[in-house]
Amino acid sequence: MYNLGSEGTSLSLLEAMAAKCAEIATNVGGMTNIILDNYNGLIINPDESELYLALEN
């Protein structure tokens, strides 16, 4: 068994938003307080295949 770490407010995410980069975040920690799915970014499950699909999109 393993623990998934989480982060409260991601400074990297805020910096990416300020730089007008595309944001893809997982639904872990405080990311869902910053990103509104399909509005100002994408929220995905922490899964390799979902990341691949989000990047492709």
N, C-alpha and C. Protein backbone atom coordinates (compact mmCIF):
# COMPACT_ATOMS: atom_id res chain seq x y z
N MET A 1 0.84 -1.17 0.00
CA MET A 1 0.00 0.00 0.00
C MET A 1 0.89 1.23 0.00
N TYR A 2 0.42 2.28 -0.64
CA TYR A 2 1.20 3.50 -0.74
C TYR A 2 0.32 4.71 -0.47
N ASN A 3 0.93 5.81 -0.14
CA ASN A 3 0.21 7.05 0.08
C ASN A 3 0.42 7.97 -1.10
N LEU A 4 -0.65 8.61 -1.52
CA LEU A 4 -0.52 9.66 -2.52
C LEU A 4 -0.30 10.96 -1.78
N GLY A 5 0.73 11.68 -2.14
CA GLY A 5 0.96 12.97 -1.52
C GLY A 5 0.03 14.00 -2.11
N SER A 6 -0.22 15.03 -1.37
CA SER A 6 -1.05 16.09 -1.90
C SER A 6 -0.46 17.44 -1.50
N GLU A 7 -0.83 18.43 -2.24
CA GLU A 7 -0.33 19.77 -2.04
C GLU A 7 -1.52 20.69 -1.86
N GLY A 8 -1.38 21.63 -0.95
CA GLY A 8 -2.47 22.58 -0.72
C GLY A 8 -2.69 23.47 -1.93
N THR A 9 -1.96 24.55 -2.00
CA THR A 9 -2.02 25.46 -3.14
C THR A 9 -0.71 25.33 -3.90
N SER A 10 -0.82 25.00 -5.15
CA SER A 10 0.36 24.77 -5.98
C SER A 10 0.84 26.09 -6.58
N LEU A 11 2.01 26.53 -6.15
CA LEU A 11 2.59 27.74 -6.74
C LEU A 11 2.94 27.52 -8.20
N SER A 12 3.35 26.31 -8.54
CA SER A 12 3.65 26.00 -9.95
C SER A 12 2.42 26.16 -10.82
N LEU A 13 1.28 25.73 -10.31
CA LEU A 13 0.04 25.86 -11.07
C LEU A 13 -0.33 27.33 -11.25
N LEU A 14 -0.19 28.13 -10.21
CA LEU A 14 -0.49 29.56 -10.30
C LEU A 14 0.47 30.25 -11.28
N GLU A 15 1.74 29.87 -11.27
CA GLU A 15 2.70 30.44 -12.20
C GLU A 15 2.37 30.05 -13.64
N ALA A 16 1.94 28.82 -13.86
CA ALA A 16 1.54 28.38 -15.20
C ALA A 16 0.33 29.17 -15.69
N MET A 17 -0.60 29.43 -14.79
CA MET A 17 -1.78 30.21 -15.16
C MET A 17 -1.38 31.64 -15.51
N ALA A 18 -0.46 32.22 -14.74
CA ALA A 18 -0.01 33.59 -15.00
C ALA A 18 0.70 33.69 -16.34
N ALA A 19 1.38 32.60 -16.74
CA ALA A 19 2.10 32.56 -18.01
C ALA A 19 1.19 32.14 -19.17
N LYS A 20 -0.09 31.96 -18.89
CA LYS A 20 -1.08 31.56 -19.90
C LYS A 20 -0.77 30.22 -20.55
N CYS A 21 -0.25 29.30 -19.75
CA CYS A 21 -0.01 27.93 -20.21
C CYS A 21 -1.27 27.10 -20.00
N ALA A 22 -1.37 26.00 -20.71
CA ALA A 22 -2.48 25.07 -20.49
C ALA A 22 -2.27 24.36 -19.16
N GLU A 23 -3.32 24.26 -18.36
CA GLU A 23 -3.21 23.61 -17.06
C GLU A 23 -3.91 22.27 -17.06
N ILE A 24 -3.18 21.25 -16.64
CA ILE A 24 -3.73 19.92 -16.41
C ILE A 24 -3.31 19.55 -15.00
N ALA A 25 -4.28 19.28 -14.15
CA ALA A 25 -3.99 18.96 -12.76
C ALA A 25 -4.76 17.71 -12.36
N THR A 26 -4.24 17.02 -11.35
CA THR A 26 -4.96 15.86 -10.84
C THR A 26 -5.93 16.30 -9.76
N ASN A 27 -6.89 15.45 -9.48
CA ASN A 27 -7.91 15.75 -8.48
C ASN A 27 -7.41 15.39 -7.08
N VAL A 28 -6.18 15.78 -6.77
CA VAL A 28 -5.54 15.50 -5.48
C VAL A 28 -5.19 16.83 -4.84
N GLY A 29 -5.49 16.97 -3.58
CA GLY A 29 -5.10 18.17 -2.86
C GLY A 29 -5.92 19.39 -3.25
N GLY A 30 -5.28 20.53 -3.21
CA GLY A 30 -5.98 21.79 -3.44
C GLY A 30 -6.14 22.20 -4.88
N MET A 31 -5.75 21.35 -5.81
CA MET A 31 -5.85 21.71 -7.23
C MET A 31 -7.29 22.00 -7.64
N THR A 32 -8.23 21.28 -7.05
CA THR A 32 -9.63 21.47 -7.42
C THR A 32 -10.19 22.78 -6.88
N ASN A 33 -9.45 23.45 -6.00
CA ASN A 33 -9.85 24.78 -5.53
C ASN A 33 -9.40 25.86 -6.51
N ILE A 34 -8.50 25.51 -7.42
CA ILE A 34 -7.94 26.48 -8.36
C ILE A 34 -8.48 26.25 -9.77
N ILE A 35 -8.50 25.00 -10.19
CA ILE A 35 -8.93 24.64 -11.55
C ILE A 35 -10.39 24.24 -11.55
N LEU A 36 -11.15 24.85 -12.44
CA LEU A 36 -12.53 24.43 -12.70
C LEU A 36 -12.48 23.62 -13.99
N ASP A 37 -12.78 22.34 -13.90
CA ASP A 37 -12.62 21.42 -15.02
C ASP A 37 -13.31 21.93 -16.28
N ASN A 38 -12.57 21.94 -17.37
CA ASN A 38 -13.02 22.38 -18.70
C ASN A 38 -13.38 23.87 -18.76
N TYR A 39 -13.00 24.63 -17.73
CA TYR A 39 -13.22 26.07 -17.77
C TYR A 39 -11.87 26.80 -17.87
N ASN A 40 -11.03 26.60 -16.87
CA ASN A 40 -9.71 27.22 -16.89
C ASN A 40 -8.59 26.18 -16.85
N GLY A 41 -8.94 24.94 -17.10
CA GLY A 41 -7.97 23.85 -17.12
C GLY A 41 -8.68 22.51 -17.13
N LEU A 42 -7.89 21.47 -17.01
CA LEU A 42 -8.45 20.12 -16.97
C LEU A 42 -8.09 19.46 -15.65
N ILE A 43 -9.04 18.76 -15.07
CA ILE A 43 -8.82 17.96 -13.87
C ILE A 43 -8.91 16.50 -14.29
N ILE A 44 -7.87 15.74 -13.96
CA ILE A 44 -7.84 14.31 -14.30
C ILE A 44 -7.53 13.50 -13.06
N ASN A 45 -7.79 12.21 -13.14
CA ASN A 45 -7.35 11.29 -12.10
C ASN A 45 -5.85 11.07 -12.26
N PRO A 46 -5.15 10.79 -11.17
CA PRO A 46 -3.70 10.55 -11.29
C PRO A 46 -3.42 9.21 -11.96
N ASP A 47 -3.55 9.20 -13.28
CA ASP A 47 -3.42 7.98 -14.06
C ASP A 47 -2.70 8.31 -15.37
N GLU A 48 -1.75 7.48 -15.75
CA GLU A 48 -0.94 7.72 -16.94
C GLU A 48 -1.77 7.85 -18.21
N SER A 49 -2.77 6.99 -18.37
CA SER A 49 -3.57 7.03 -19.60
C SER A 49 -4.42 8.29 -19.65
N GLU A 50 -4.92 8.76 -18.51
CA GLU A 50 -5.71 10.01 -18.50
C GLU A 50 -4.83 11.21 -18.82
N LEU A 51 -3.58 11.19 -18.33
CA LEU A 51 -2.66 12.27 -18.65
C LEU A 51 -2.37 12.28 -20.15
N TYR A 52 -2.14 11.13 -20.73
CA TYR A 52 -1.90 11.01 -22.16
C TYR A 52 -3.06 11.60 -22.96
N LEU A 53 -4.29 11.23 -22.60
CA LEU A 53 -5.47 11.72 -23.31
C LEU A 53 -5.63 13.23 -23.14
N ALA A 54 -5.36 13.74 -21.93
CA ALA A 54 -5.49 15.18 -21.69
C ALA A 54 -4.45 15.95 -22.51
N LEU A 55 -3.23 15.44 -22.59
CA LEU A 55 -2.21 16.10 -23.40
C LEU A 55 -2.55 16.05 -24.87
N GLU A 56 -3.10 14.95 -25.30
CA GLU A 56 -3.50 14.79 -26.70
C GLU A 56 -4.63 15.76 -27.05
N ASN A 57 -5.53 15.96 -26.09
CA ASN A 57 -6.67 16.85 -26.29
C ASN A 57 -6.20 18.27 -26.42
